[in-house]
Each structure stands twice: as C-alpha cells, then as structure tokens.
Amino acid sequence: MCLLDEVLEWDADRVLCRTESHRAADNPLRAHGRLGSASAIEYAAQAVAVHGALLQSAAEQPPEPAPVHAGVLASVRGVQLTVERLDDIEAALLVEVQRLHANAHSALYFFRVSTATHTPLAHGRLSLWLDQDSP
C-alpha cells in the first residue's frame, strides 16, 4: 500500500510529500465509506519510510547497495487531529516529517499533515524501533 504520490523536498532531516489518495474511493484505509483523520498517522509513517529510503539510497556506494533494515512503528504521541475525516478535503495533502533524533536502534520524528494551502489537519510524533539484525 503506497499512499503518497510524490516527494516535493527532502534533506538529511526532513521530507515533504504530496498526495491526493485521501479522496480515492478505493483508499485501503477507508472504513464505512469514509477516511477518518487518524489515517494521517499512516500517511506520516509512510513519509518516514520514504525518508529512510532516500537517506539510504544517498549513502549507497555502487556496486553494493546498503542493506535495508526493518523498522517498526513503536509509538505515536502528542497527536492532534483538527478534522474528523480526510476524504472530504478537496485540496491535496502535504505530509511533512522531521527527524528529531536517530541512532542505530531508534528514530523519533515530528509529523505534520496539512492541505496544500497549509490548513493544519494533524500533527504529532512517531517513534520507530530499527531492527539492525534483519537485512
């Protein structure tokens, strides 16, 4: 399941993605004919995964690609949702994540989901556990 449409900007500490999948009738997160605002957490988690993949690909030295390690969403904290649902938002969504801390075993990100006109929809923090033993 890939919910993000494109990466607009990224650097070592953040990524900004854009999507319009929140309006899709076949969005896999839809339940009972709607897409609840808590789905913003999954959008943010996917942006974190994209950020990790971008960082990894930038660090790769041919001909051997760096091993991909599994990451598990360990916790979600301080989440604020400003709308009840996402599927009735007409504008594209911007999903921004910023890495606050990272080491070999974990990472902490701040996330913000807003409309393309910068109306805030959700924000909070995601922490991940990185399994260094699983390539």
C-alpha atoms as a PDB file:
ATOM      1  CA  MET A   1       0.000   0.000   0.000  1.00  0.00           C
ATOM      2  CA  CYS A   2       1.530   3.282  -1.106  1.00  0.00           C
ATOM      3  CA  LEU A   3      -0.483   6.370  -0.181  1.00  0.00           C
ATOM      4  CA  LEU A   4       1.995   9.104  -1.138  1.00  0.00           C
ATOM      5  CA  ASP A   5       2.119  10.448  -4.688  1.00  0.00           C
ATOM      6  CA  GLU A   6       5.387  12.380  -4.768  1.00  0.00           C
ATOM      7  CA  VAL A   7       8.305  13.760  -2.814  1.00  0.00           C
ATOM      8  CA  LEU A   8       8.469  17.544  -3.113  1.00  0.00           C
ATOM      9  CA  GLU A   9      11.557  18.216  -0.977  1.00  0.00           C
ATOM     10  CA  TRP A  10      13.931  16.308   1.234  1.00  0.00           C
ATOM     11  CA  ASP A  11      17.215  16.637   3.083  1.00  0.00           C
ATOM     12  CA  ALA A  12      19.049  14.762   5.833  1.00  0.00           C
ATOM     13  CA  ASP A  13      16.466  15.677   8.470  1.00  0.00           C
ATOM     14  CA  ARG A  14      13.101  16.000   6.739  1.00  0.00           C
ATOM     15  CA  VAL A  15      10.906  15.074   3.802  1.00  0.00           C
ATOM     16  CA  LEU A  16       7.847  16.793   2.362  1.00  0.00           C
ATOM     17  CA  CYS A  17       5.449  14.630   0.362  1.00  0.00           C
ATOM     18  CA  ARG A  18       2.233  15.361  -1.535  1.00  0.00           C
ATOM     19  CA  THR A  19      -0.759  13.118  -2.114  1.00  0.00           C
ATOM     20  CA  GLU A  20      -4.300  13.090  -3.389  1.00  0.00           C
ATOM     21  CA  SER A  21      -5.023   9.479  -2.410  1.00  0.00           C
ATOM     22  CA  HIS A  22      -7.176  10.597   0.521  1.00  0.00           C
ATOM     23  CA  ARG A  23     -10.046  11.230  -1.918  1.00  0.00           C
ATOM     24  CA  ALA A  24      -9.798   7.879  -3.700  1.00  0.00           C
ATOM     25  CA  ALA A  25     -12.830   5.643  -3.280  1.00  0.00           C
ATOM     26  CA  ASP A  26     -10.504   2.615  -3.172  1.00  0.00           C
ATOM     27  CA  ASN A  27      -8.176   4.016  -0.496  1.00  0.00           C
ATOM     28  CA  PRO A  28      -7.331   0.927   1.595  1.00  0.00           C
ATOM     29  CA  LEU A  29      -7.721   2.875   4.852  1.00  0.00           C
ATOM     30  CA  ARG A  30     -11.352   3.781   4.173  1.00  0.00           C
ATOM     31  CA  ALA A  31     -13.871   2.250   6.552  1.00  0.00           C
ATOM     32  CA  HIS A  32     -17.656   2.583   6.463  1.00  0.00           C
ATOM     33  CA  GLY A  33     -17.456   4.848   3.403  1.00  0.00           C
ATOM     34  CA  ARG A  34     -15.057   7.387   4.939  1.00  0.00           C
ATOM     35  CA  LEU A  35     -11.411   8.076   5.679  1.00  0.00           C
ATOM     36  CA  GLY A  36     -11.019   9.137   9.295  1.00  0.00           C
ATOM     37  CA  SER A  37      -8.439  11.720  10.313  1.00  0.00           C
ATOM     38  CA  ALA A  38      -6.444   9.169  12.343  1.00  0.00           C
ATOM     39  CA  SER A  39      -5.334   7.851   8.943  1.00  0.00           C
ATOM     40  CA  ALA A  40      -2.965  10.830   8.906  1.00  0.00           C
ATOM     41  CA  ILE A  41      -0.725   8.720  11.160  1.00  0.00           C
ATOM     42  CA  GLU A  42      -0.303   6.114   8.391  1.00  0.00           C
ATOM     43  CA  TYR A  43       0.457   8.866   5.872  1.00  0.00           C
ATOM     44  CA  ALA A  44       3.139  10.178   8.238  1.00  0.00           C
ATOM     45  CA  ALA A  45       4.565   6.700   8.834  1.00  0.00           C
ATOM     46  CA  GLN A  46       4.887   6.216   5.076  1.00  0.00           C
ATOM     47  CA  ALA A  47       6.678   9.558   4.784  1.00  0.00           C
ATOM     48  CA  VAL A  48       9.133   8.382   7.467  1.00  0.00           C
ATOM     49  CA  ALA A  49       9.741   5.206   5.440  1.00  0.00           C
ATOM     50  CA  VAL A  50      10.320   7.288   2.309  1.00  0.00           C
ATOM     51  CA  HIS A  51      12.767   9.478   4.212  1.00  0.00           C
ATOM     52  CA  GLY A  52      14.692   6.417   5.376  1.00  0.00           C
ATOM     53  CA  ALA A  53      14.826   5.025   1.844  1.00  0.00           C
ATOM     54  CA  LEU A  54      16.047   8.352   0.448  1.00  0.00           C
ATOM     55  CA  LEU A  55      18.760   8.588   3.100  1.00  0.00           C
ATOM     56  CA  GLN A  56      19.820   5.036   2.417  1.00  0.00           C
ATOM     57  CA  SER A  57      19.957   5.470  -1.367  1.00  0.00           C
ATOM     58  CA  ALA A  58      22.016   8.660  -0.968  1.00  0.00           C
ATOM     59  CA  ALA A  59      24.520   6.744   1.178  1.00  0.00           C
ATOM     60  CA  GLU A  60      24.856   3.732  -1.141  1.00  0.00           C
ATOM     61  CA  GLN A  61      28.170   3.156  -2.828  1.00  0.00           C
ATOM     62  CA  PRO A  62      27.984   1.082  -6.035  1.00  0.00           C
ATOM     63  CA  PRO A  63      28.231  -1.799  -6.673  1.00  0.00           C
ATOM     64  CA  GLU A  64      26.979  -2.987  -3.255  1.00  0.00           C
ATOM     65  CA  PRO A  65      23.698  -1.470  -2.046  1.00  0.00           C
ATOM     66  CA  ALA A  66      23.394  -0.885   1.678  1.00  0.00           C
ATOM     67  CA  PRO A  67      21.225  -3.453   3.488  1.00  0.00           C
ATOM     68  CA  VAL A  68      17.644  -2.480   4.153  1.00  0.00           C
ATOM     69  CA  HIS A  69      16.680  -2.810   7.798  1.00  0.00           C
ATOM     70  CA  ALA A  70      13.167  -3.289   9.074  1.00  0.00           C
ATOM     71  CA  GLY A  71      11.577  -0.520  11.077  1.00  0.00           C
ATOM     72  CA  VAL A  72       8.611  -0.887  13.385  1.00  0.00           C
ATOM     73  CA  LEU A  73       6.369   1.933  14.484  1.00  0.00           C
ATOM     74  CA  ALA A  74       6.891   1.812  18.243  1.00  0.00           C
ATOM     75  CA  SER A  75       4.692   4.673  19.441  1.00  0.00           C
ATOM     76  CA  VAL A  76       2.646   7.658  18.401  1.00  0.00           C
ATOM     77  CA  ARG A  77       2.467  10.550  20.846  1.00  0.00           C
ATOM     78  CA  GLY A  78       1.089  14.038  21.154  1.00  0.00           C
ATOM     79  CA  VAL A  79      -1.245  13.598  18.203  1.00  0.00           C
ATOM     80  CA  GLN A  80      -3.615  16.470  17.494  1.00  0.00           C
ATOM     81  CA  LEU A  81      -6.316  15.976  14.861  1.00  0.00           C
ATOM     82  CA  THR A  82      -8.111  19.119  13.710  1.00  0.00           C
ATOM     83  CA  VAL A  83     -10.683  17.472  11.413  1.00  0.00           C
ATOM     84  CA  GLU A  84     -12.863  14.372  11.686  1.00  0.00           C
ATOM     85  CA  ARG A  85     -12.132  12.987   8.247  1.00  0.00           C
ATOM     86  CA  LEU A  86      -9.708  13.370   5.351  1.00  0.00           C
ATOM     87  CA  ASP A  87     -11.727  12.141   2.386  1.00  0.00           C
ATOM     88  CA  ASP A  88     -13.811  15.319   2.179  1.00  0.00           C
ATOM     89  CA  ILE A  89     -10.723  17.569   1.922  1.00  0.00           C
ATOM     90  CA  GLU A  90     -10.691  18.903  -1.643  1.00  0.00           C
ATOM     91  CA  ALA A  91      -7.052  20.066  -1.698  1.00  0.00           C
ATOM     92  CA  ALA A  92      -4.021  17.822  -1.980  1.00  0.00           C
ATOM     93  CA  LEU A  93      -2.420  16.811   1.308  1.00  0.00           C
ATOM     94  CA  LEU A  94       1.106  17.758   2.312  1.00  0.00           C
ATOM     95  CA  VAL A  95       2.800  15.275   4.623  1.00  0.00           C
ATOM     96  CA  GLU A  96       5.956  16.531   6.303  1.00  0.00           C
ATOM     97  CA  VAL A  97       8.140  14.603   8.710  1.00  0.00           C
ATOM     98  CA  GLN A  98      11.184  15.941  10.504  1.00  0.00           C
ATOM     99  CA  ARG A  99      13.687  13.715  12.240  1.00  0.00           C
ATOM    100  CA  LEU A 100      14.275  14.900  15.801  1.00  0.00           C
ATOM    101  CA  HIS A 101      16.608  12.114  16.923  1.00  0.00           C
ATOM    102  CA  ALA A 102      18.092   8.953  15.461  1.00  0.00           C
ATOM    103  CA  ASN A 103      20.635   6.319  16.368  1.00  0.00           C
ATOM    104  CA  ALA A 104      21.331   2.776  15.214  1.00  0.00           C
ATOM    105  CA  HIS A 105      18.327   1.396  17.106  1.00  0.00           C
ATOM    106  CA  SER A 106      15.606   4.033  17.042  1.00  0.00           C
ATOM    107  CA  ALA A 107      14.345   7.240  15.499  1.00  0.00           C
ATOM    108  CA  LEU A 108      11.961   9.968  16.567  1.00  0.00           C
ATOM    109  CA  TYR A 109      10.072  12.113  14.059  1.00  0.00           C
ATOM    110  CA  PHE A 110       7.694  15.052  14.272  1.00  0.00           C
ATOM    111  CA  PHE A 111       4.947  14.917  11.644  1.00  0.00           C
ATOM    112  CA  ARG A 112       2.531  17.442  10.210  1.00  0.00           C
ATOM    113  CA  VAL A 113      -0.267  16.786   7.727  1.00  0.00           C
ATOM    114  CA  SER A 114      -1.854  19.830   6.141  1.00  0.00           C
ATOM    115  CA  THR A 115      -3.636  20.847   2.986  1.00  0.00           C
ATOM    116  CA  ALA A 116      -1.741  22.288   0.042  1.00  0.00           C
ATOM    117  CA  THR A 117      -2.994  25.668   1.258  1.00  0.00           C
ATOM    118  CA  HIS A 118      -1.340  24.932   4.642  1.00  0.00           C
ATOM    119  CA  THR A 119      -4.506  24.349   6.662  1.00  0.00           C
ATOM    120  CA  PRO A 120      -3.354  22.106   9.552  1.00  0.00           C
ATOM    121  CA  LEU A 121      -5.052  18.709   9.765  1.00  0.00           C
ATOM    122  CA  ALA A 122      -2.871  16.655  12.117  1.00  0.00           C
ATOM    123  CA  HIS A 123       0.470  16.657  13.873  1.00  0.00           C
ATOM    124  CA  GLY A 124       2.354  14.632  16.466  1.00  0.00           C
ATOM    125  CA  ARG A 125       5.420  12.453  16.999  1.00  0.00           C
ATOM    126  CA  LEU A 126       6.288   8.975  15.757  1.00  0.00           C
ATOM    127  CA  SER A 127       8.983   6.779  17.262  1.00  0.00           C
ATOM    128  CA  LEU A 128      10.463   3.807  15.475  1.00  0.00           C
ATOM    129  CA  TRP A 129      12.456   0.810  16.524  1.00  0.00           C
ATOM    130  CA  LEU A 130      15.034  -0.166  13.905  1.00  0.00           C
ATOM    131  CA  ASP A 131      15.961  -3.842  13.710  1.00  0.00           C
ATOM    132  CA  GLN A 132      19.629  -3.910  12.758  1.00  0.00           C
ATOM    133  CA  ASP A 133      19.631  -7.708  12.581  1.00  0.00           C
ATOM    134  CA  SER A 134      17.210  -8.019   9.660  1.00  0.00           C
ATOM    135  CA  PRO A 135      18.551  -7.056   6.252  1.00  0.00           C
END
